[in-house]
Amino acid sequence: MTEQAMNQEAGHPAIGGGLLVVAQWEAKAEEADRIAEILRGFLPQAQREPGVKLFLISRAKDNPAQFLFYELFRDEAAFRAHQESAHFKSYIAEQALPLLTRRERAQYALL
């Protein structure tokens, strides 16, 4: 069975398959509250995208400059559409990314 076929058949019955993206950000210390403000504006728009199954953003309790993203997309095309959206370009690419000291991202296929 190909990986693509496994991805389409895999997953929890209520969720189905999909592409899981986990990202970790660390803001410049003096910019942490600004990042949180930007993300509060971005999150509802990302959650309403047609290819998004789940989109969560959290902030570390012990280090408020750290943020964790847990994003489940229908497929690779939905993830690409997300990155091309006007709200991603405005909130993330233009406003948030320049305020970070670290950005890591990993993609996973659901089992």
C-alpha atoms as a PDB file:
ATOM      1  CA  MET A   1       0.000   0.000   0.000  1.00  0.00           C
ATOM      2  CA  THR A   2       1.354   3.437  -0.887  1.00  0.00           C
ATOM      3  CA  GLU A   3       1.876   6.100   1.737  1.00  0.00           C
ATOM      4  CA  GLN A   4      -0.799   8.243   0.097  1.00  0.00           C
ATOM      5  CA  ALA A   5      -3.305   5.381   0.249  1.00  0.00           C
ATOM      6  CA  MET A   6      -2.440   4.800   3.914  1.00  0.00           C
ATOM      7  CA  ASN A   7      -2.962   8.480   4.656  1.00  0.00           C
ATOM      8  CA  GLN A   8      -6.383   8.452   2.992  1.00  0.00           C
ATOM      9  CA  GLU A   9      -7.526   5.335   4.860  1.00  0.00           C
ATOM     10  CA  ALA A  10      -5.883   6.194   8.163  1.00  0.00           C
ATOM     11  CA  GLY A  11      -7.110   8.110  11.123  1.00  0.00           C
ATOM     12  CA  HIS A  12      -9.828   8.126  13.710  1.00  0.00           C
ATOM     13  CA  PRO A  13     -13.231   7.401  12.122  1.00  0.00           C
ATOM     14  CA  ALA A  14     -14.601  10.762  13.282  1.00  0.00           C
ATOM     15  CA  ILE A  15     -11.585  12.640  11.916  1.00  0.00           C
ATOM     16  CA  GLY A  16     -10.515  10.600   8.889  1.00  0.00           C
ATOM     17  CA  GLY A  17      -7.047  10.997   7.450  1.00  0.00           C
ATOM     18  CA  GLY A  18      -5.235  14.208   6.939  1.00  0.00           C
ATOM     19  CA  LEU A  19      -2.020  16.116   7.338  1.00  0.00           C
ATOM     20  CA  LEU A  20      -1.015  17.093  10.863  1.00  0.00           C
ATOM     21  CA  VAL A  21       1.326  20.051  11.227  1.00  0.00           C
ATOM     22  CA  VAL A  22       2.927  20.830  14.589  1.00  0.00           C
ATOM     23  CA  ALA A  23       4.812  24.100  14.880  1.00  0.00           C
ATOM     24  CA  GLN A  24       6.728  25.659  17.733  1.00  0.00           C
ATOM     25  CA  TRP A  25       7.525  29.339  17.929  1.00  0.00           C
ATOM     26  CA  GLU A  26       9.609  31.348  20.315  1.00  0.00           C
ATOM     27  CA  ALA A  27       9.028  35.083  20.294  1.00  0.00           C
ATOM     28  CA  LYS A  28      11.582  37.709  21.144  1.00  0.00           C
ATOM     29  CA  ALA A  29      10.944  38.197  24.870  1.00  0.00           C
ATOM     30  CA  GLU A  30       9.736  41.757  24.469  1.00  0.00           C
ATOM     31  CA  GLU A  31       7.381  40.715  21.639  1.00  0.00           C
ATOM     32  CA  ALA A  32       5.581  37.777  23.294  1.00  0.00           C
ATOM     33  CA  ASP A  33       2.408  39.708  24.134  1.00  0.00           C
ATOM     34  CA  ARG A  34       2.314  41.232  20.645  1.00  0.00           C
ATOM     35  CA  ILE A  35       2.591  37.739  19.109  1.00  0.00           C
ATOM     36  CA  ALA A  36      -0.310  36.574  21.289  1.00  0.00           C
ATOM     37  CA  GLU A  37      -2.380  39.530  20.103  1.00  0.00           C
ATOM     38  CA  ILE A  38      -1.588  38.778  16.434  1.00  0.00           C
ATOM     39  CA  LEU A  39      -2.477  35.110  16.904  1.00  0.00           C
ATOM     40  CA  ARG A  40      -5.803  35.960  18.561  1.00  0.00           C
ATOM     41  CA  GLY A  41      -6.743  37.825  15.368  1.00  0.00           C
ATOM     42  CA  PHE A  42      -5.458  35.077  13.085  1.00  0.00           C
ATOM     43  CA  LEU A  43      -6.858  31.974  14.806  1.00  0.00           C
ATOM     44  CA  PRO A  44     -10.606  32.353  14.094  1.00  0.00           C
ATOM     45  CA  GLN A  45      -9.904  32.915  10.405  1.00  0.00           C
ATOM     46  CA  ALA A  46      -7.620  29.871  10.180  1.00  0.00           C
ATOM     47  CA  GLN A  47     -10.203  27.709  11.956  1.00  0.00           C
ATOM     48  CA  ARG A  48     -12.848  28.653   9.363  1.00  0.00           C
ATOM     49  CA  GLU A  49     -10.797  27.561   6.347  1.00  0.00           C
ATOM     50  CA  PRO A  50     -12.618  24.844   4.377  1.00  0.00           C
ATOM     51  CA  GLY A  51      -9.704  22.366   4.485  1.00  0.00           C
ATOM     52  CA  VAL A  52      -9.028  22.753   8.214  1.00  0.00           C
ATOM     53  CA  LYS A  53     -10.266  19.968  10.491  1.00  0.00           C
ATOM     54  CA  LEU A  54      -8.646  21.280  13.685  1.00  0.00           C
ATOM     55  CA  PHE A  55      -6.495  24.315  14.415  1.00  0.00           C
ATOM     56  CA  LEU A  56      -5.240  25.046  17.918  1.00  0.00           C
ATOM     57  CA  ILE A  57      -2.652  27.507  19.194  1.00  0.00           C
ATOM     58  CA  SER A  58      -1.387  27.426  22.763  1.00  0.00           C
ATOM     59  CA  ARG A  59       1.035  29.443  24.848  1.00  0.00           C
ATOM     60  CA  ALA A  60       3.442  27.819  27.291  1.00  0.00           C
ATOM     61  CA  LYS A  61       2.594  28.367  30.951  1.00  0.00           C
ATOM     62  CA  ASP A  62       6.212  28.427  32.086  1.00  0.00           C
ATOM     63  CA  ASN A  63       7.549  30.553  29.209  1.00  0.00           C
ATOM     64  CA  PRO A  64       5.025  32.976  27.679  1.00  0.00           C
ATOM     65  CA  ALA A  65       7.334  33.566  24.706  1.00  0.00           C
ATOM     66  CA  GLN A  66       6.724  29.981  23.480  1.00  0.00           C
ATOM     67  CA  PHE A  67       3.760  29.042  21.302  1.00  0.00           C
ATOM     68  CA  LEU A  68       2.630  25.641  20.032  1.00  0.00           C
ATOM     69  CA  PHE A  69       0.474  25.137  16.938  1.00  0.00           C
ATOM     70  CA  TYR A  70      -1.482  21.915  16.343  1.00  0.00           C
ATOM     71  CA  GLU A  71      -3.040  22.001  12.890  1.00  0.00           C
ATOM     72  CA  LEU A  72      -4.958  19.223  11.127  1.00  0.00           C
ATOM     73  CA  PHE A  73      -5.668  19.713   7.439  1.00  0.00           C
ATOM     74  CA  ARG A  74      -7.794  17.607   5.108  1.00  0.00           C
ATOM     75  CA  ASP A  75      -4.766  17.071   2.847  1.00  0.00           C
ATOM     76  CA  GLU A  76      -1.609  18.695   1.429  1.00  0.00           C
ATOM     77  CA  ALA A  77      -3.682  20.920  -0.877  1.00  0.00           C
ATOM     78  CA  ALA A  78      -5.563  22.348   2.124  1.00  0.00           C
ATOM     79  CA  PHE A  79      -2.258  23.096   3.857  1.00  0.00           C
ATOM     80  CA  ARG A  80      -0.967  24.894   0.752  1.00  0.00           C
ATOM     81  CA  ALA A  81      -4.207  26.877   0.517  1.00  0.00           C
ATOM     82  CA  HIS A  82      -3.793  27.846   4.166  1.00  0.00           C
ATOM     83  CA  GLN A  83      -0.319  29.231   3.500  1.00  0.00           C
ATOM     84  CA  GLU A  84      -1.597  31.172   0.493  1.00  0.00           C
ATOM     85  CA  SER A  85      -4.545  32.727   2.351  1.00  0.00           C
ATOM     86  CA  ALA A  86      -4.663  36.477   2.818  1.00  0.00           C
ATOM     87  CA  HIS A  87      -4.900  36.128   6.613  1.00  0.00           C
ATOM     88  CA  PHE A  88      -1.812  33.868   6.743  1.00  0.00           C
ATOM     89  CA  LYS A  89       0.186  36.306   4.637  1.00  0.00           C
ATOM     90  CA  SER A  90      -0.916  39.318   6.669  1.00  0.00           C
ATOM     91  CA  TYR A  91      -0.915  38.017  10.252  1.00  0.00           C
ATOM     92  CA  ILE A  92       1.821  35.387  10.059  1.00  0.00           C
ATOM     93  CA  ALA A  93       4.231  36.221   7.245  1.00  0.00           C
ATOM     94  CA  GLU A  94       4.124  40.002   7.552  1.00  0.00           C
ATOM     95  CA  GLN A  95       3.409  40.657  11.232  1.00  0.00           C
ATOM     96  CA  ALA A  96       4.415  37.673  13.372  1.00  0.00           C
ATOM     97  CA  LEU A  97       7.438  36.004  11.777  1.00  0.00           C
ATOM     98  CA  PRO A  98       9.703  39.070  12.093  1.00  0.00           C
ATOM     99  CA  LEU A  99       9.089  39.005  15.878  1.00  0.00           C
ATOM    100  CA  LEU A 100      10.340  35.442  16.386  1.00  0.00           C
ATOM    101  CA  THR A 101      13.689  34.069  17.495  1.00  0.00           C
ATOM    102  CA  ARG A 102      12.787  30.479  16.541  1.00  0.00           C
ATOM    103  CA  ARG A 103      10.267  28.714  14.305  1.00  0.00           C
ATOM    104  CA  GLU A 104      10.156  24.942  13.882  1.00  0.00           C
ATOM    105  CA  ARG A 105       7.579  22.934  11.983  1.00  0.00           C
ATOM    106  CA  ALA A 106       7.007  19.212  11.390  1.00  0.00           C
ATOM    107  CA  GLN A 107       4.424  17.352   9.329  1.00  0.00           C
ATOM    108  CA  TYR A 108       2.845  14.028  10.237  1.00  0.00           C
ATOM    109  CA  ALA A 109       0.495  11.546   8.573  1.00  0.00           C
ATOM    110  CA  LEU A 110      -2.225  10.187  10.846  1.00  0.00           C
ATOM    111  CA  LEU A 111      -2.051   6.466  11.654  1.00  0.00           C
END
